[in-house]
């Protein structure tokens, strides 16, 4: 079952009330969007882009019905996108998963390569954060000392 987490003001993750189980006949696209945190447009795009691992069920009237496995897969896709995996990488991963057993080594290699990319981006972000923290320290110190007006500010030469 999907568990949607809510972040408190302190940034801590707190469990939100569990949504009702996905009925056997599935849920509408609007409900799927609500449960996964993506728009209905994104859900349709994921399907068109080949990012889903199995065809989404349809009602006799042609309306999409998402099963729990579909929702879980969409959450995986959104997390991969949020960590910078290109659509082509997610598509390749979806193809491997949809193909079934026998390609686990390729799936692992794909995930390990993405993990390395994420770690490199995190390291870069941490370096950038150090510079931001340094600037904050300078501003706080200057404001506390009463000499903030002396901080460097670029100006056009006259």
Protein backbone atom coordinates (compact mmCIF):
# COMPACT_ATOMS: atom_id res chain seq x y z
CA UNK A 1 0.00 0.00 0.00
CA UNK A 2 1.21 3.53 -0.72
CA UNK A 3 2.09 5.68 2.24
CA UNK A 4 2.00 9.39 1.62
CA UNK A 5 4.21 11.38 3.94
CA UNK A 6 3.63 14.91 5.08
CA UNK A 7 6.48 17.19 6.12
CA UNK A 8 6.14 19.21 9.29
CA UNK A 9 7.36 22.79 9.66
CA UNK A 10 10.63 21.40 11.06
CA UNK A 11 11.14 19.41 7.88
CA UNK A 12 10.63 16.06 9.60
CA UNK A 13 8.60 13.49 7.76
CA UNK A 14 5.43 12.51 9.54
CA UNK A 15 3.16 9.68 8.42
CA UNK A 16 -0.10 10.98 7.01
CA UNK A 17 -3.31 9.03 7.33
CA UNK A 18 -3.10 6.00 5.08
CA UNK A 19 -5.29 6.35 2.03
CA UNK A 20 -7.93 3.73 1.53
CA UNK A 21 -6.71 0.62 -0.25
CA UNK A 22 -6.92 0.75 -4.02
CA UNK A 23 -10.07 -1.13 -5.03
CA UNK A 24 -9.64 -4.15 -7.32
CA UNK A 25 -11.23 -2.23 -10.20
CA UNK A 26 -8.67 0.55 -9.73
CA UNK A 27 -9.03 4.29 -9.27
CA UNK A 28 -9.70 7.17 -11.64
CA UNK A 29 -6.95 9.29 -13.09
CA UNK A 30 -7.92 12.12 -10.72
CA UNK A 31 -7.62 9.81 -7.71
CA UNK A 32 -4.35 8.36 -9.03
CA UNK A 33 -3.01 11.90 -9.39
CA UNK A 34 -4.04 12.74 -5.84
CA UNK A 35 -2.50 9.58 -4.41
CA UNK A 36 0.81 9.90 -6.28
CA UNK A 37 1.23 13.66 -6.08
CA UNK A 38 1.51 14.19 -9.84
CA UNK A 39 -0.97 15.77 -12.22
CA UNK A 40 -3.33 13.86 -14.50
CA UNK A 41 -1.37 15.40 -17.38
CA UNK A 42 1.85 13.84 -16.01
CA UNK A 43 0.16 10.46 -15.67
CA UNK A 44 -0.92 10.60 -19.32
CA UNK A 45 2.57 11.72 -20.34
CA UNK A 46 4.23 8.85 -18.45
CA UNK A 47 1.97 6.44 -20.32
CA UNK A 48 2.67 8.02 -23.75
CA UNK A 49 6.42 8.22 -23.07
CA UNK A 50 6.62 4.49 -22.37
CA UNK A 51 7.44 4.87 -18.70
CA UNK A 52 4.78 2.50 -17.39
CA UNK A 53 5.52 -1.21 -17.07
CA UNK A 54 2.11 -2.49 -18.14
CA UNK A 55 -0.86 -1.01 -19.97
CA UNK A 56 -3.13 1.00 -17.71
CA UNK A 57 -6.56 -0.64 -17.45
CA UNK A 58 -9.51 1.08 -19.08
CA UNK A 59 -13.21 1.04 -18.36
CA UNK A 60 -15.67 0.01 -21.06
CA UNK A 61 -15.99 3.75 -21.75
CA UNK A 62 -12.22 4.07 -22.26
CA UNK A 63 -11.42 5.87 -19.01
CA UNK A 64 -8.16 4.98 -17.31
CA UNK A 65 -8.28 2.91 -14.12
CA UNK A 66 -5.08 2.72 -12.09
CA UNK A 67 -4.31 -0.31 -9.94
CA UNK A 68 -2.10 -0.27 -6.86
CA UNK A 69 0.86 -1.63 -8.84
CA UNK A 70 0.45 1.26 -11.31
CA UNK A 71 0.49 3.79 -8.48
CA UNK A 72 3.57 2.23 -6.91
CA UNK A 73 5.35 2.31 -10.27
CA UNK A 74 4.41 5.97 -10.81
CA UNK A 75 5.90 6.84 -7.43
CA UNK A 76 9.13 5.11 -8.48
CA UNK A 77 9.16 7.09 -11.74
CA UNK A 78 8.62 10.39 -9.95
CA UNK A 79 11.43 9.67 -7.50
CA UNK A 80 13.77 8.78 -10.35
CA UNK A 81 12.81 12.03 -12.15
CA UNK A 82 13.18 14.04 -8.93
CA UNK A 83 16.73 12.74 -8.61
CA UNK A 84 17.56 13.75 -12.16
CA UNK A 85 17.21 10.53 -14.11
CA UNK A 86 16.48 11.38 -17.75
CA UNK A 87 13.23 10.16 -19.30
CA UNK A 88 15.23 7.82 -21.56
CA UNK A 89 16.78 6.22 -18.45
CA UNK A 90 13.40 5.71 -16.81
CA UNK A 91 12.05 4.34 -20.09
CA UNK A 92 14.94 1.87 -20.28
CA UNK A 93 14.37 0.81 -16.68
CA UNK A 94 10.63 0.36 -17.37
CA UNK A 95 11.44 -1.76 -20.43
CA UNK A 96 13.74 -3.98 -18.37
CA UNK A 97 11.19 -4.40 -15.58
CA UNK A 98 8.39 -5.10 -18.07
CA UNK A 99 10.55 -7.71 -19.80
CA UNK A 100 10.57 -9.77 -16.60
CA UNK A 101 13.31 -11.94 -15.10
CA UNK A 102 16.73 -12.35 -16.66
CA UNK A 103 17.93 -8.75 -16.88
CA UNK A 104 18.49 -7.98 -13.21
CA UNK A 105 22.21 -7.28 -13.75
CA UNK A 106 21.34 -4.58 -16.30
CA UNK A 107 18.75 -3.09 -13.93
CA UNK A 108 21.33 -3.05 -11.16
CA UNK A 109 23.89 -1.37 -13.42
CA UNK A 110 21.34 1.27 -14.39
CA UNK A 111 20.49 1.99 -10.74
CA UNK A 112 24.15 2.05 -9.68
CA UNK A 113 25.01 4.51 -12.46
CA UNK A 114 22.10 6.73 -11.44
CA UNK A 115 23.13 6.51 -7.79
CA UNK A 116 26.64 7.66 -8.72
CA UNK A 117 25.13 10.63 -10.61
CA UNK A 118 22.93 11.52 -7.62
CA UNK A 119 25.91 11.33 -5.23
CA UNK A 120 27.94 13.60 -7.52
CA UNK A 121 25.07 16.13 -7.63
CA UNK A 122 24.73 15.94 -3.84
CA UNK A 123 28.44 16.64 -3.42
CA UNK A 124 28.17 19.63 -5.75
CA UNK A 125 25.10 20.88 -3.87
CA UNK A 126 26.93 20.50 -0.55
CA UNK A 127 29.83 22.57 -1.88
CA UNK A 128 27.40 25.24 -3.04
CA UNK A 129 25.71 25.15 0.36
CA UNK A 130 29.07 25.81 2.04
CA UNK A 131 29.42 29.01 0.03
CA UNK A 132 25.86 30.06 0.96
CA UNK A 133 26.56 29.33 4.64
CA UNK A 134 29.76 31.38 4.40
CA UNK A 135 27.85 34.35 2.94
CA UNK A 136 25.20 34.02 5.67
CA UNK A 137 27.92 34.08 8.33
CA UNK A 138 29.43 37.22 6.78
CA UNK A 139 26.07 39.02 6.68
CA UNK A 140 25.16 37.98 10.23
CA UNK A 141 28.56 39.09 11.53
CA UNK A 142 28.44 42.40 9.69
CA UNK A 143 24.88 43.12 10.83
CA UNK A 144 25.78 42.26 14.44
CA UNK A 145 28.87 44.48 14.29
CA UNK A 146 26.89 47.32 12.76
CA UNK A 147 29.08 47.59 9.68
CA UNK A 148 26.89 45.87 7.09
CA UNK A 149 27.03 49.00 4.93
CA UNK A 150 30.71 48.25 4.28
CA UNK A 151 30.00 44.92 2.62
CA UNK A 152 31.22 44.72 -0.95
CA UNK A 153 28.63 45.51 -3.58
CA UNK A 154 29.54 45.55 -7.24
CA UNK A 155 28.94 48.87 -8.98
CA UNK A 156 29.53 50.08 -12.50
CA UNK A 157 32.70 52.21 -12.83
CA UNK A 158 31.98 55.89 -13.52
